[in-house]
């Protein structure tokens, strides 16, 4: 993978993380707790994809935390 491809992939990952944070903030009508926001920002690609796939099933912030423990 070229440096360009690597940078492009990192940009996509960052965009997905920002989208998850925004979606969750809007879903619960409150800012995310700092610890949860930090976990999402540091999450690997697998966790990010899981959060996006399970978004409609998430009913509470504890559901989000449970995904990190899977």
N, C-alpha and C. Protein backbone atom coordinates (compact mmCIF):
# COMPACT_ATOMS: atom_id res chain seq x y z
N UNK A 1 0.86 -1.17 0.00
CA UNK A 1 0.00 0.00 0.00
C UNK A 1 0.90 1.23 0.00
N UNK A 2 0.56 2.17 -0.86
CA UNK A 2 1.36 3.38 -0.95
C UNK A 2 1.05 4.32 0.22
N UNK A 3 1.91 5.28 0.38
CA UNK A 3 1.70 6.29 1.44
C UNK A 3 0.39 7.03 1.20
N UNK A 4 0.10 7.33 -0.04
CA UNK A 4 -1.15 8.00 -0.37
C UNK A 4 -2.35 7.17 0.06
N UNK A 5 -2.32 5.87 -0.26
CA UNK A 5 -3.41 4.97 0.12
C UNK A 5 -3.57 4.89 1.63
N UNK A 6 -2.44 4.84 2.33
CA UNK A 6 -2.46 4.77 3.79
C UNK A 6 -3.11 6.02 4.38
N UNK A 7 -2.70 7.17 3.87
CA UNK A 7 -3.26 8.44 4.36
C UNK A 7 -4.75 8.52 4.05
N UNK A 8 -5.13 8.06 2.86
CA UNK A 8 -6.54 8.08 2.47
C UNK A 8 -7.37 7.18 3.39
N UNK A 9 -6.88 5.99 3.72
CA UNK A 9 -7.58 5.08 4.62
C UNK A 9 -7.70 5.67 6.02
N UNK A 10 -6.63 6.30 6.49
CA UNK A 10 -6.68 6.93 7.82
C UNK A 10 -7.73 8.04 7.84
N UNK A 11 -7.84 8.77 6.75
CA UNK A 11 -8.84 9.84 6.66
C UNK A 11 -10.25 9.27 6.69
N UNK A 12 -10.47 8.15 6.02
CA UNK A 12 -11.78 7.51 6.04
C UNK A 12 -12.12 7.04 7.45
N UNK A 13 -11.14 6.43 8.12
CA UNK A 13 -11.36 5.96 9.49
C UNK A 13 -11.72 7.12 10.41
N UNK A 14 -10.99 8.22 10.28
CA UNK A 14 -11.27 9.39 11.11
C UNK A 14 -12.67 9.93 10.84
N UNK A 15 -13.07 9.96 9.57
CA UNK A 15 -14.40 10.43 9.22
C UNK A 15 -15.49 9.55 9.81
N UNK A 16 -15.27 8.23 9.81
CA UNK A 16 -16.25 7.31 10.39
C UNK A 16 -16.36 7.51 11.90
N UNK A 17 -15.22 7.73 12.55
CA UNK A 17 -15.23 7.96 14.01
C UNK A 17 -15.99 9.24 14.34
N UNK A 18 -15.74 10.29 13.56
CA UNK A 18 -16.45 11.55 13.79
C UNK A 18 -17.95 11.38 13.55
N UNK A 19 -18.30 10.58 12.54
CA UNK A 19 -19.71 10.33 12.25
C UNK A 19 -20.38 9.58 13.40
N UNK A 20 -19.70 8.58 13.94
CA UNK A 20 -20.26 7.82 15.06
C UNK A 20 -20.50 8.73 16.25
N UNK A 21 -19.53 9.56 16.56
CA UNK A 21 -19.66 10.49 17.69
C UNK A 21 -20.85 11.41 17.48
N UNK A 22 -21.00 11.95 16.27
CA UNK A 22 -22.12 12.84 15.96
C UNK A 22 -23.45 12.10 16.04
N UNK A 23 -23.51 10.91 15.45
CA UNK A 23 -24.75 10.13 15.47
C UNK A 23 -25.18 9.81 16.89
N UNK A 24 -24.24 9.38 17.72
CA UNK A 24 -24.57 9.03 19.10
C UNK A 24 -24.97 10.26 19.91
N UNK A 25 -24.28 11.37 19.68
CA UNK A 25 -24.63 12.61 20.37
C UNK A 25 -26.06 13.01 20.03
N UNK A 26 -26.39 12.93 18.75
CA UNK A 26 -27.74 13.30 18.31
C UNK A 26 -28.79 12.30 18.80
N UNK A 27 -28.43 11.02 18.79
CA UNK A 27 -29.37 9.98 19.21
C UNK A 27 -29.78 10.17 20.67
N UNK A 28 -28.83 10.53 21.52
CA UNK A 28 -29.10 10.66 22.95
C UNK A 28 -29.27 12.11 23.38
N UNK A 29 -29.24 13.03 22.44
CA UNK A 29 -29.47 14.46 22.71
C UNK A 29 -28.59 15.01 23.82
N UNK A 30 -27.34 14.57 23.82
CA UNK A 30 -26.38 15.06 24.80
C UNK A 30 -24.97 14.76 24.30
N UNK A 31 -24.00 15.55 24.74
CA UNK A 31 -22.62 15.23 24.38
C UNK A 31 -22.22 13.87 24.96
N UNK A 32 -21.36 13.17 24.25
CA UNK A 32 -20.87 11.89 24.77
C UNK A 32 -19.97 12.15 25.96
N UNK A 33 -19.99 11.25 26.95
CA UNK A 33 -19.02 11.36 28.04
C UNK A 33 -17.60 11.31 27.47
N UNK A 34 -16.71 12.04 28.10
CA UNK A 34 -15.33 12.12 27.60
C UNK A 34 -14.68 10.76 27.45
N UNK A 35 -14.93 9.85 28.39
CA UNK A 35 -14.28 8.54 28.31
C UNK A 35 -14.75 7.76 27.09
N UNK A 36 -16.02 7.85 26.78
CA UNK A 36 -16.56 7.13 25.63
C UNK A 36 -16.10 7.76 24.32
N UNK A 37 -16.06 9.08 24.30
CA UNK A 37 -15.57 9.78 23.11
C UNK A 37 -14.12 9.39 22.83
N UNK A 38 -13.31 9.33 23.88
CA UNK A 38 -11.90 8.95 23.73
C UNK A 38 -11.77 7.51 23.22
N UNK A 39 -12.61 6.61 23.71
CA UNK A 39 -12.58 5.22 23.25
C UNK A 39 -12.88 5.13 21.76
N UNK A 40 -13.86 5.89 21.32
CA UNK A 40 -14.22 5.87 19.90
C UNK A 40 -13.08 6.45 19.07
N UNK A 41 -12.49 7.54 19.53
CA UNK A 41 -11.40 8.17 18.79
C UNK A 41 -10.19 7.24 18.67
N UNK A 42 -9.99 6.36 19.64
CA UNK A 42 -8.84 5.45 19.64
C UNK A 42 -9.19 4.05 19.11
N UNK A 43 -10.44 3.84 18.74
CA UNK A 43 -10.91 2.51 18.34
C UNK A 43 -10.24 2.04 17.05
N UNK A 44 -10.08 0.71 16.96
CA UNK A 44 -9.55 0.13 15.73
C UNK A 44 -10.68 0.01 14.70
N UNK A 45 -10.31 -0.34 13.49
CA UNK A 45 -11.28 -0.40 12.39
C UNK A 45 -12.42 -1.39 12.68
N UNK A 46 -12.12 -2.51 13.32
CA UNK A 46 -13.14 -3.51 13.62
C UNK A 46 -14.22 -2.93 14.55
N UNK A 47 -13.81 -2.24 15.58
CA UNK A 47 -14.76 -1.63 16.51
C UNK A 47 -15.60 -0.57 15.80
N UNK A 48 -14.96 0.24 14.98
CA UNK A 48 -15.68 1.29 14.26
C UNK A 48 -16.76 0.68 13.36
N UNK A 49 -16.40 -0.36 12.63
CA UNK A 49 -17.37 -1.02 11.76
C UNK A 49 -18.50 -1.65 12.58
N UNK A 50 -18.16 -2.23 13.72
CA UNK A 50 -19.18 -2.84 14.58
C UNK A 50 -20.15 -1.78 15.10
N UNK A 51 -19.62 -0.64 15.52
CA UNK A 51 -20.48 0.45 16.00
C UNK A 51 -21.44 0.91 14.90
N UNK A 52 -20.94 1.02 13.69
CA UNK A 52 -21.80 1.44 12.59
C UNK A 52 -22.85 0.39 12.26
N UNK A 53 -22.44 -0.86 12.25
CA UNK A 53 -23.37 -1.95 11.93
C UNK A 53 -24.47 -2.09 12.98
N UNK A 54 -24.13 -1.86 14.24
CA UNK A 54 -25.08 -2.06 15.33
C UNK A 54 -25.77 -0.78 15.78
N UNK A 55 -25.56 0.30 15.05
CA UNK A 55 -26.09 1.61 15.46
C UNK A 55 -27.59 1.55 15.77
N UNK A 56 -28.35 0.91 14.91
CA UNK A 56 -29.80 0.88 15.12
C UNK A 56 -30.20 0.06 16.34
N UNK A 57 -29.32 -0.81 16.80
CA UNK A 57 -29.60 -1.64 17.98
C UNK A 57 -29.19 -0.97 19.28
N UNK A 58 -28.41 0.09 19.20
CA UNK A 58 -27.91 0.78 20.39
C UNK A 58 -29.04 1.59 21.01
N UNK A 59 -29.35 1.28 22.26
CA UNK A 59 -30.44 1.96 22.98
C UNK A 59 -29.94 2.82 24.14
N UNK A 60 -28.66 2.62 24.52
CA UNK A 60 -28.10 3.38 25.64
C UNK A 60 -26.59 3.48 25.47
N UNK A 61 -25.98 4.36 26.24
CA UNK A 61 -24.52 4.48 26.22
C UNK A 61 -23.86 3.20 26.74
N UNK A 62 -24.57 2.49 27.61
CA UNK A 62 -24.04 1.21 28.08
C UNK A 62 -23.95 0.20 26.93
N UNK A 63 -24.86 0.27 25.98
CA UNK A 63 -24.78 -0.60 24.80
C UNK A 63 -23.50 -0.31 24.02
N UNK A 64 -23.14 0.96 23.94
CA UNK A 64 -21.90 1.34 23.25
C UNK A 64 -20.70 0.76 24.00
N UNK A 65 -20.71 0.92 25.31
CA UNK A 65 -19.61 0.39 26.12
C UNK A 65 -19.50 -1.14 25.98
N UNK A 66 -20.64 -1.81 25.88
CA UNK A 66 -20.63 -3.27 25.72
C UNK A 66 -19.94 -3.68 24.43
N UNK A 67 -20.08 -2.90 23.38
CA UNK A 67 -19.43 -3.22 22.11
C UNK A 67 -17.92 -3.20 22.28
N UNK A 68 -17.41 -2.32 23.09
CA UNK A 68 -15.97 -2.27 23.34
C UNK A 68 -15.48 -3.48 24.14
N UNK A 69 -16.37 -4.10 24.86
CA UNK A 69 -15.99 -5.25 25.68
C UNK A 69 -16.15 -6.58 24.95
N UNK A 70 -16.76 -6.57 23.77
CA UNK A 70 -16.95 -7.81 23.01
C UNK A 70 -15.64 -8.40 22.54
